[in-house]
Amino acid sequence: MAKGTLADLVETLNAEKAAANQTAFQDINDDAQVLLEYAQGMTDYLSRINDNQHAINRDLVKSDYLGGEISKSEVAITMLDKYLNKAVVLLEKAQR
């Protein structure tokens, strides 16, 4: 009787552990999805800045505006790198 109870307890604990891992994987997936959406937003932002820079360069207009946009693009690249690095770490954890 005691062995049956112990086996039931072990089975219950293993089922709870499996359920906890599934929840953790879902949380990791959700976090990675959010980070990838942020990264997509940064990529779109960089694309718009790049388009603006090309338009300005075509007109040969050198101004503070271009310098400001270049500075903004550097910040956006840094943020994009941060989001992508976090997403990679989360995905690596999910694969373990």
PDB file of N, CA and C in Angstrom:
ATOM      1  N   MET A   1       0.822  -1.187   0.000  1.00  0.00           N
ATOM      2  CA  MET A   1       0.000   0.000   0.000  1.00  0.00           C
ATOM      3  C   MET A   1       0.866   1.250   0.000  1.00  0.00           C
ATOM      4  N   ALA A   2       1.925   1.237   0.817  1.00  0.00           N
ATOM      5  CA  ALA A   2       2.801   2.404   0.886  1.00  0.00           C
ATOM      6  C   ALA A   2       3.551   2.590  -0.421  1.00  0.00           C
ATOM      7  N   LYS A   3       3.958   1.479  -1.047  1.00  0.00           N
ATOM      8  CA  LYS A   3       4.674   1.594  -2.315  1.00  0.00           C
ATOM      9  C   LYS A   3       3.783   2.187  -3.395  1.00  0.00           C
ATOM     10  N   GLY A   4       2.531   1.784  -3.410  1.00  0.00           N
ATOM     11  CA  GLY A   4       1.587   2.338  -4.376  1.00  0.00           C
ATOM     12  C   GLY A   4       1.405   3.831  -4.168  1.00  0.00           C
ATOM     13  N   THR A   5       1.354   4.252  -2.932  1.00  0.00           N
ATOM     14  CA  THR A   5       1.190   5.663  -2.618  1.00  0.00           C
ATOM     15  C   THR A   5       2.429   6.445  -3.035  1.00  0.00           C
ATOM     16  N   LEU A   6       3.601   5.887  -2.781  1.00  0.00           N
ATOM     17  CA  LEU A   6       4.850   6.542  -3.169  1.00  0.00           C
ATOM     18  C   LEU A   6       4.952   6.644  -4.689  1.00  0.00           C
ATOM     19  N   ALA A   7       4.570   5.588  -5.374  1.00  0.00           N
ATOM     20  CA  ALA A   7       4.605   5.611  -6.840  1.00  0.00           C
ATOM     21  C   ALA A   7       3.635   6.660  -7.382  1.00  0.00           C
ATOM     22  N   ASP A   8       2.464   6.739  -6.754  1.00  0.00           N
ATOM     23  CA  ASP A   8       1.495   7.764  -7.173  1.00  0.00           C
ATOM     24  C   ASP A   8       2.047   9.161  -6.949  1.00  0.00           C
ATOM     25  N   LEU A   9       2.722   9.350  -5.813  1.00  0.00           N
ATOM     26  CA  LEU A   9       3.310  10.653  -5.501  1.00  0.00           C
ATOM     27  C   LEU A   9       4.385  11.019  -6.526  1.00  0.00           C
ATOM     28  N   VAL A  10       5.244  10.063  -6.857  1.00  0.00           N
ATOM     29  CA  VAL A  10       6.301  10.300  -7.843  1.00  0.00           C
ATOM     30  C   VAL A  10       5.683  10.634  -9.198  1.00  0.00           C
ATOM     31  N   GLU A  11       4.641   9.901  -9.570  1.00  0.00           N
ATOM     32  CA  GLU A  11       3.975  10.162 -10.850  1.00  0.00           C
ATOM     33  C   GLU A  11       3.350  11.556 -10.869  1.00  0.00           C
ATOM     34  N   THR A  12       2.722  11.938  -9.773  1.00  0.00           N
ATOM     35  CA  THR A  12       2.119  13.268  -9.674  1.00  0.00           C
ATOM     36  C   THR A  12       3.179  14.355  -9.764  1.00  0.00           C
ATOM     37  N   LEU A  13       4.296  14.156  -9.052  1.00  0.00           N
ATOM     38  CA  LEU A  13       5.383  15.139  -9.088  1.00  0.00           C
ATOM     39  C   LEU A  13       5.968  15.264 -10.489  1.00  0.00           C
ATOM     40  N   ASN A  14       6.138  14.146 -11.165  1.00  0.00           N
ATOM     41  CA  ASN A  14       6.668  14.188 -12.535  1.00  0.00           C
ATOM     42  C   ASN A  14       5.701  14.897 -13.478  1.00  0.00           C
ATOM     43  N   ALA A  15       4.409  14.667 -13.298  1.00  0.00           N
ATOM     44  CA  ALA A  15       3.412  15.343 -14.133  1.00  0.00           C
ATOM     45  C   ALA A  15       3.426  16.844 -13.877  1.00  0.00           C
ATOM     46  N   GLU A  16       3.547  17.242 -12.601  1.00  0.00           N
ATOM     47  CA  GLU A  16       3.608  18.668 -12.268  1.00  0.00           C
ATOM     48  C   GLU A  16       4.876  19.307 -12.829  1.00  0.00           C
ATOM     49  N   LYS A  17       5.983  18.562 -12.774  1.00  0.00           N
ATOM     50  CA  LYS A  17       7.240  19.077 -13.318  1.00  0.00           C
ATOM     51  C   LYS A  17       7.122  19.283 -14.829  1.00  0.00           C
ATOM     52  N   ALA A  18       6.512  18.331 -15.509  1.00  0.00           N
ATOM     53  CA  ALA A  18       6.329  18.458 -16.958  1.00  0.00           C
ATOM     54  C   ALA A  18       5.428  19.645 -17.282  1.00  0.00           C
ATOM     55  N   ALA A  19       4.376  19.824 -16.495  1.00  0.00           N
ATOM     56  CA  ALA A  19       3.472  20.960 -16.717  1.00  0.00           C
ATOM     57  C   ALA A  19       4.193  22.275 -16.467  1.00  0.00           C
ATOM     58  N   ALA A  20       5.041  22.325 -15.443  1.00  0.00           N
ATOM     59  CA  ALA A  20       5.799  23.549 -15.148  1.00  0.00           C
ATOM     60  C   ALA A  20       6.758  23.871 -16.285  1.00  0.00           C
ATOM     61  N   ASN A  21       7.394  22.855 -16.856  1.00  0.00           N
ATOM     62  CA  ASN A  21       8.309  23.078 -17.979  1.00  0.00           C
ATOM     63  C   ASN A  21       7.564  23.591 -19.197  1.00  0.00           C
ATOM     64  N   GLN A  22       6.369  23.086 -19.443  1.00  0.00           N
ATOM     65  CA  GLN A  22       5.585  23.563 -20.576  1.00  0.00           C
ATOM     66  C   GLN A  22       5.229  25.030 -20.394  1.00  0.00           C
ATOM     67  N   THR A  23       4.856  25.398 -19.176  1.00  0.00           N
ATOM     68  CA  THR A  23       4.543  26.799 -18.901  1.00  0.00           C
ATOM     69  C   THR A  23       5.779  27.658 -19.115  1.00  0.00           C
ATOM     70  N   ALA A  24       6.921  27.185 -18.637  1.00  0.00           N
ATOM     71  CA  ALA A  24       8.159  27.950 -18.784  1.00  0.00           C
ATOM     72  C   ALA A  24       8.499  28.129 -20.266  1.00  0.00           C
ATOM     73  N   PHE A  25       8.330  27.081 -21.062  1.00  0.00           N
ATOM     74  CA  PHE A  25       8.610  27.192 -22.494  1.00  0.00           C
ATOM     75  C   PHE A  25       7.666  28.199 -23.144  1.00  0.00           C
ATOM     76  N   GLN A  26       6.404  28.198 -22.726  1.00  0.00           N
ATOM     77  CA  GLN A  26       5.444  29.154 -23.282  1.00  0.00           C
ATOM     78  C   GLN A  26       5.837  30.573 -22.901  1.00  0.00           C
ATOM     79  N   ASP A  27       6.265  30.762 -21.643  1.00  0.00           N
ATOM     80  CA  ASP A  27       6.701  32.087 -21.205  1.00  0.00           C
ATOM     81  C   ASP A  27       7.915  32.546 -22.005  1.00  0.00           C
ATOM     82  N   ILE A  28       8.861  31.639 -22.214  1.00  0.00           N
ATOM     83  CA  ILE A  28      10.059  31.969 -22.986  1.00  0.00           C
ATOM     84  C   ILE A  28       9.666  32.321 -24.417  1.00  0.00           C
ATOM     85  N   ASN A  29       8.766  31.543 -24.974  1.00  0.00           N
ATOM     86  CA  ASN A  29       8.312  31.810 -26.338  1.00  0.00           C
ATOM     87  C   ASN A  29       7.641  33.177 -26.428  1.00  0.00           C
ATOM     88  N   ASP A  30       6.797  33.494 -25.440  1.00  0.00           N
ATOM     89  CA  ASP A  30       6.127  34.799 -25.432  1.00  0.00           C
ATOM     90  C   ASP A  30       7.140  35.931 -25.324  1.00  0.00           C
ATOM     91  N   ASP A  31       8.120  35.774 -24.415  1.00  0.00           N
ATOM     92  CA  ASP A  31       9.143  36.808 -24.247  1.00  0.00           C
ATOM     93  C   ASP A  31       9.964  36.978 -25.521  1.00  0.00           C
ATOM     94  N   ALA A  32      10.325  35.852 -26.135  1.00  0.00           N
ATOM     95  CA  ALA A  32      11.101  35.918 -27.379  1.00  0.00           C
ATOM     96  C   ALA A  32      10.284  36.595 -28.480  1.00  0.00           C
ATOM     97  N   GLN A  33       8.985  36.308 -28.530  1.00  0.00           N
ATOM     98  CA  GLN A  33       8.125  36.925 -29.541  1.00  0.00           C
ATOM     99  C   GLN A  33       8.078  38.438 -29.361  1.00  0.00           C
ATOM    100  N   VAL A  34       7.948  38.890 -28.108  1.00  0.00           N
ATOM    101  CA  VAL A  34       7.915  40.329 -27.833  1.00  0.00           C
ATOM    102  C   VAL A  34       9.228  40.977 -28.258  1.00  0.00           C
ATOM    103  N   LEU A  35      10.349  40.341 -27.912  1.00  0.00           N
ATOM    104  CA  LEU A  35      11.652  40.895 -28.283  1.00  0.00           C
ATOM    105  C   LEU A  35      11.822  40.948 -29.799  1.00  0.00           C
ATOM    106  N   LEU A  36      11.359  39.925 -30.475  1.00  0.00           N
ATOM    107  CA  LEU A  36      11.468  39.920 -31.934  1.00  0.00           C
ATOM    108  C   LEU A  36      10.564  40.987 -32.560  1.00  0.00           C
ATOM    109  N   GLU A  37       9.413  41.248 -31.934  1.00  0.00           N
ATOM    110  CA  GLU A  37       8.557  42.333 -32.427  1.00  0.00           C
ATOM    111  C   GLU A  37       9.234  43.685 -32.224  1.00  0.00           C
ATOM    112  N   TYR A  38       9.894  43.869 -31.066  1.00  0.00           N
ATOM    113  CA  TYR A  38      10.658  45.100 -30.846  1.00  0.00           C
ATOM    114  C   TYR A  38      11.764  45.225 -31.894  1.00  0.00           C
ATOM    115  N   ALA A  39      12.438  44.111 -32.150  1.00  0.00           N
ATOM    116  CA  ALA A  39      13.517  44.125 -33.137  1.00  0.00           C
ATOM    117  C   ALA A  39      12.980  44.478 -34.522  1.00  0.00           C
ATOM    118  N   GLN A  40      11.799  43.960 -34.862  1.00  0.00           N
ATOM    119  CA  GLN A  40      11.195  44.296 -36.153  1.00  0.00           C
ATOM    120  C   GLN A  40      10.879  45.784 -36.221  1.00  0.00           C
ATOM    121  N   GLY A  41      10.388  46.339 -35.124  1.00  0.00           N
ATOM    122  CA  GLY A  41      10.114  47.775 -35.074  1.00  0.00           C
ATOM    123  C   GLY A  41      11.379  48.590 -35.271  1.00  0.00           C
ATOM    124  N   MET A  42      12.465  48.166 -34.631  1.00  0.00           N
ATOM    125  CA  MET A  42      13.742  48.865 -34.784  1.00  0.00           C
ATOM    126  C   MET A  42      14.242  48.745 -36.219  1.00  0.00           C
ATOM    127  N   THR A  43      14.057  47.572 -36.825  1.00  0.00           N
ATOM    128  CA  THR A  43      14.473  47.378 -38.212  1.00  0.00           C
ATOM    129  C   THR A  43      13.695  48.304 -39.144  1.00  0.00           C
ATOM    130  N   ASP A  44      12.392  48.410 -38.916  1.00  0.00           N
ATOM    131  CA  ASP A  44      11.576  49.327 -39.727  1.00  0.00           C
ATOM    132  C   ASP A  44      12.030  50.766 -39.540  1.00  0.00           C
ATOM    133  N   TYR A  45      12.329  51.130 -38.296  1.00  0.00           N
ATOM    134  CA  TYR A  45      12.787  52.482 -37.987  1.00  0.00           C
ATOM    135  C   TYR A  45      14.106  52.776 -38.704  1.00  0.00           C
ATOM    136  N   LEU A  46      15.026  51.814 -38.648  1.00  0.00           N
ATOM    137  CA  LEU A  46      16.313  51.981 -39.332  1.00  0.00           C
ATOM    138  C   LEU A  46      16.124  52.109 -40.845  1.00  0.00           C
ATOM    139  N   SER A  47      15.190  51.367 -41.376  1.00  0.00           N
ATOM    140  CA  SER A  47      14.922  51.450 -42.810  1.00  0.00           C
ATOM    141  C   SER A  47      14.430  52.844 -43.195  1.00  0.00           C
ATOM    142  N   ARG A  48      13.532  53.402 -42.378  1.00  0.00           N
ATOM    143  CA  ARG A  48      13.041  54.760 -42.660  1.00  0.00           C
ATOM    144  C   ARG A  48      14.174  55.777 -42.561  1.00  0.00           C
ATOM    145  N   ILE A  49      15.029  55.639 -41.543  1.00  0.00           N
ATOM    146  CA  ILE A  49      16.167  56.561 -41.402  1.00  0.00           C
ATOM    147  C   ILE A  49      17.088  56.435 -42.609  1.00  0.00           C
ATOM    148  N   ASN A  50      17.350  55.207 -43.025  1.00  0.00           N
ATOM    149  CA  ASN A  50      18.215  54.975 -44.178  1.00  0.00           C
ATOM    150  C   ASN A  50      17.627  55.613 -45.434  1.00  0.00           C
ATOM    151  N   ASP A  51      16.323  55.452 -45.622  1.00  0.00           N
ATOM    152  CA  ASP A  51      15.666  56.084 -46.776  1.00  0.00           C
ATOM    153  C   ASP A  51      15.813  57.600 -46.722  1.00  0.00           C
ATOM    154  N   ASN A  52      15.633  58.165 -45.531  1.00  0.00           N
ATOM    155  CA  ASN A  52      15.785  59.618 -45.370  1.00  0.00           C
ATOM    156  C   ASN A  52      17.216  60.060 -45.666  1.00  0.00           C
ATOM    157  N   GLN A  53      18.191  59.288 -45.210  1.00  0.00           N
ATOM    158  CA  GLN A  53      19.592  59.642 -45.447  1.00  0.00           C
ATOM    159  C   GLN A  53      19.908  59.622 -46.934  1.00  0.00           C
ATOM    160  N   HIS A  54      19.398  58.630 -47.640  1.00  0.00           N
ATOM    161  CA  HIS A  54      19.643  58.570 -49.082  1.00  0.00           C
ATOM    162  C   HIS A  54      19.008  59.762 -49.800  1.00  0.00           C
ATOM    163  N   ALA A  55      17.807  60.118 -49.383  1.00  0.00           N
ATOM    164  CA  ALA A  55      17.135  61.262 -50.007  1.00  0.00           C
ATOM    165  C   ALA A  55      17.919  62.544 -49.759  1.00  0.00           C
ATOM    166  N   ILE A  56      18.417  62.700 -48.547  1.00  0.00           N
ATOM    167  CA  ILE A  56      19.195  63.901 -48.219  1.00  0.00           C
ATOM    168  C   ILE A  56      20.507  63.908 -48.999  1.00  0.00           C
ATOM    169  N   ASN A  57      21.167  62.769 -49.073  1.00  0.00           N
ATOM    170  CA  ASN A  57      22.435  62.699 -49.806  1.00  0.00           C
ATOM    171  C   ASN A  57      22.243  62.975 -51.293  1.00  0.00           C
ATOM    172  N   ARG A  58      21.134  62.517 -51.852  1.00  0.00           N
ATOM    173  CA  ARG A  58      20.864  62.776 -53.274  1.00  0.00           C
ATOM    174  C   ARG A  58      20.756  64.270 -53.535  1.00  0.00           C
ATOM    175  N   ASP A  59      20.178  64.983 -52.617  1.00  0.00           N
ATOM    176  CA  ASP A  59      20.016  66.430 -52.776  1.00  0.00           C
ATOM    177  C   ASP A  59      21.262  67.201 -52.344  1.00  0.00           C
ATOM    178  N   LEU A  60      22.275  66.484 -51.869  1.00  0.00           N
ATOM    179  CA  LEU A  60      23.527  67.086 -51.403  1.00  0.00           C
ATOM    180  C   LEU A  60      23.303  68.157 -50.328  1.00  0.00           C
ATOM    181  N   VAL A  61      22.355  67.907 -49.474  1.00  0.00           N
ATOM    182  CA  VAL A  61      22.076  68.824 -48.378  1.00  0.00           C
ATOM    183  C   VAL A  61      22.755  68.263 -47.136  1.00  0.00           C
ATOM    184  N   LYS A  62      23.741  68.975 -46.656  1.00  0.00           N
ATOM    185  CA  LYS A  62      24.436  68.569 -45.441  1.00  0.00           C
ATOM    186  C   LYS A  62      23.972  69.491 -44.323  1.00  0.00           C
ATOM    187  N   SER A  63      23.369  68.909 -43.316  1.00  0.00           N
ATOM    188  CA  SER A  63      22.828  69.745 -42.251  1.00  0.00           C
ATOM    189  C   SER A  63      22.889  69.010 -40.916  1.00  0.00           C
ATOM    190  N   ASP A  64      22.468  69.700 -39.896  1.00  0.00           N
ATOM    191  CA  ASP A  64      22.396  69.087 -38.574  1.00  0.00           C
ATOM    192  C   ASP A  64      21.366  67.966 -38.543  1.00  0.00           C
ATOM    193  N   TYR A  65      20.369  68.071 -39.423  1.00  0.00           N
ATOM    194  CA  TYR A  65      19.339  67.037 -39.487  1.00  0.00           C
ATOM    195  C   TYR A  65      19.961  65.675 -39.783  1.00  0.00           C
ATOM    196  N   LEU A  66      20.851  65.623 -40.750  1.00  0.00           N
ATOM    197  CA  LEU A  66      21.490  64.366 -41.116  1.00  0.00           C
ATOM    198  C   LEU A  66      22.298  63.826 -39.947  1.00  0.00           C
ATOM    199  N   GLY A  67      23.038  64.696 -39.278  1.00  0.00           N
ATOM    200  CA  GLY A  67      23.806  64.259 -38.114  1.00  0.00           C
ATOM    201  C   GLY A  67      22.913  63.708 -37.023  1.00  0.00           C
ATOM    202  N   GLY A  68      21.771  64.370 -36.816  1.00  0.00           N
ATOM    203  CA  GLY A  68      20.813  63.896 -35.817  1.00  0.00           C
ATOM    204  C   GLY A  68      20.239  62.539 -36.178  1.00  0.00           C
ATOM    205  N   GLU A  69      19.936  62.353 -37.452  1.00  0.00           N
ATOM    206  CA  GLU A  69      19.391  61.072 -37.899  1.00  0.00           C
ATOM    207  C   GLU A  69      20.431  59.958 -37.767  1.00  0.00           C
ATOM    208  N   ILE A  70      21.682  60.272 -38.084  1.00  0.00           N
ATOM    209  CA  ILE A  70      22.740  59.269 -37.934  1.00  0.00           C
ATOM    210  C   ILE A  70      22.871  58.876 -36.471  1.00  0.00           C
ATOM    211  N   SER A  71      22.815  59.848 -35.588  1.00  0.00           N
ATOM    212  CA  SER A  71      22.885  59.566 -34.152  1.00  0.00           C
ATOM    213  C   SER A  71      21.714  58.688 -33.718  1.00  0.00           C
ATOM    214  N   LYS A  72      20.517  58.996 -34.219  1.00  0.00           N
ATOM    215  CA  LYS A  72      19.344  58.189 -33.881  1.00  0.00           C
ATOM    216  C   LYS A  72      19.489  56.768 -34.409  1.00  0.00           C
ATOM    217  N   SER A  73      20.068  56.621 -35.588  1.00  0.00           N
ATOM    218  CA  SER A  73      20.227  55.281 -36.147  1.00  0.00           C
ATOM    219  C   SER A  73      21.218  54.466 -35.328  1.00  0.00           C
ATOM    220  N   GLU A  74      22.241  55.111 -34.780  1.00  0.00           N
ATOM    221  CA  GLU A  74      23.193  54.398 -33.930  1.00  0.00           C
ATOM    222  C   GLU A  74      22.505  53.888 -32.671  1.00  0.00           C
ATOM    223  N   VAL A  75      21.643  54.708 -32.088  1.00  0.00           N
ATOM    224  CA  VAL A  75      20.885  54.282 -30.908  1.00  0.00           C
ATOM    225  C   VAL A  75      19.962  53.124 -31.276  1.00  0.00           C
ATOM    226  N   ALA A  76      19.297  53.224 -32.412  1.00  0.00           N
ATOM    227  CA  ALA A  76      18.385  52.170 -32.847  1.00  0.00           C
ATOM    228  C   ALA A  76      19.133  50.865 -33.101  1.00  0.00           C
ATOM    229  N   ILE A  77      20.325  50.945 -33.681  1.00  0.00           N
ATOM    230  CA  ILE A  77      21.128  49.741 -33.917  1.00  0.00           C
ATOM    231  C   ILE A  77      21.516  49.099 -32.591  1.00  0.00           C
ATOM    232  N   THR A  78      21.903  49.906 -31.619  1.00  0.00           N
ATOM    233  CA  THR A  78      22.257  49.383 -30.300  1.00  0.00           C
ATOM    234  C   THR A  78      21.058  48.685 -29.665  1.00  0.00           C
ATOM    235  N   MET A  79      19.889  49.307 -29.757  1.00  0.00           N
ATOM    236  CA  MET A  79      18.683  48.702 -29.192  1.00  0.00           C
ATOM    237  C   MET A  79      18.327  47.414 -29.923  1.00  0.00           C
ATOM    238  N   LEU A  80      18.440  47.408 -31.233  1.00  0.00           N
ATOM    239  CA  LEU A  80      18.155  46.216 -32.021  1.00  0.00           C
ATOM    240  C   LEU A  80      19.074  45.077 -31.607  1.00  0.00           C
ATOM    241  N   ASP A  81      20.349  45.360 -31.437  1.00  0.00           N
ATOM    242  CA  ASP A  81      21.309  44.354 -31.006  1.00  0.00           C
ATOM    243  C   ASP A  81      20.916  43.787 -29.646  1.00  0.00           C
ATOM    244  N   LYS A  82      20.505  44.651 -28.739  1.00  0.00           N
ATOM    245  CA  LYS A  82      20.097  44.227 -27.394  1.00  0.00           C
ATOM    246  C   LYS A  82      18.891  43.295 -27.471  1.00  0.00           C
ATOM    247  N   TYR A  83      17.858  43.672 -28.238  1.00  0.00           N
ATOM    248  CA  TYR A  83      16.660  42.844 -28.360  1.00  0.00           C
ATOM    249  C   TYR A  83      16.981  41.492 -28.989  1.00  0.00           C
ATOM    250  N   LEU A  84      17.784  41.497 -30.028  1.00  0.00           N
ATOM    251  CA  LEU A  84      18.128  40.241 -30.694  1.00  0.00           C
ATOM    252  C   LEU A  84      18.953  39.337 -29.789  1.00  0.00           C
ATOM    253  N   ASN A  85      19.890  39.919 -29.030  1.00  0.00           N
ATOM    254  CA  ASN A  85      20.679  39.117 -28.096  1.00  0.00           C
ATOM    255  C   ASN A  85      19.791  38.475 -27.042  1.00  0.00           C
ATOM    256  N   LYS A  86      18.825  39.231 -26.504  1.00  0.00           N
ATOM    257  CA  LYS A  86      17.903  38.670 -25.511  1.00  0.00           C
ATOM    258  C   LYS A  86      17.068  37.551 -26.124  1.00  0.00           C
ATOM    259  N   ALA A  87      16.603  37.753 -27.338  1.00  0.00           N
ATOM    260  CA  ALA A  87      15.793  36.733 -28.001  1.00  0.00           C
ATOM    261  C   ALA A  87      16.602  35.460 -28.218  1.00  0.00           C
ATOM    262  N   VAL A  88      17.853  35.592 -28.615  1.00  0.00           N
ATOM    263  CA  VAL A  88      18.712  34.426 -28.831  1.00  0.00           C
ATOM    264  C   VAL A  88      18.926  33.674 -27.529  1.00  0.00           C
ATOM    265  N   VAL A  89      19.182  34.393 -26.440  1.00  0.00           N
ATOM    266  CA  VAL A  89      19.385  33.751 -25.136  1.00  0.00           C
ATOM    267  C   VAL A  89      18.130  32.990 -24.726  1.00  0.00           C
ATOM    268  N   LEU A  90      16.966  33.606 -24.889  1.00  0.00           N
ATOM    269  CA  LEU A  90      15.719  32.937 -24.521  1.00  0.00           C
ATOM    270  C   LEU A  90      15.474  31.703 -25.376  1.00  0.00           C
ATOM    271  N   LEU A  91      15.745  31.797 -26.659  1.00  0.00           N
ATOM    272  CA  LEU A  91      15.552  30.642 -27.529  1.00  0.00           C
ATOM    273  C   LEU A  91      16.538  29.526 -27.205  1.00  0.00           C
ATOM    274  N   GLU A  92      17.766  29.878 -26.830  1.00  0.00           N
ATOM    275  CA  GLU A  92      18.735  28.858 -26.428  1.00  0.00           C
ATOM    276  C   GLU A  92      18.273  28.163 -25.157  1.00  0.00           C
ATOM    277  N   LYS A  93      17.711  28.921 -24.206  1.00  0.00           N
ATOM    278  CA  LYS A  93      17.185  28.313 -22.978  1.00  0.00           C
ATOM    279  C   LYS A  93      16.035  27.367 -23.300  1.00  0.00           C
ATOM    280  N   ALA A  94      15.207  27.757 -24.240  1.00  0.00           N
ATOM    281  CA  ALA A  94      14.057  26.930 -24.603  1.00  0.00           C
ATOM    282  C   ALA A  94      14.491  25.617 -25.241  1.00  0.00           C
ATOM    283  N   GLN A  95      15.634  25.600 -25.897  1.00  0.00           N
ATOM    284  CA  GLN A  95      16.112  24.388 -26.556  1.00  0.00           C
ATOM    285  C   GLN A  95      16.776  23.418 -25.594  1.00  0.00           C
ATOM    286  N   ARG A  96      17.116  23.875 -24.412  1.00  0.00           N
ATOM    287  CA  ARG A  96      17.788  22.983 -23.441  1.00  0.00           C
ATOM    288  C   ARG A  96      16.833  22.022 -22.811  1.00  0.00           C
TER     289      ARG A  96
END
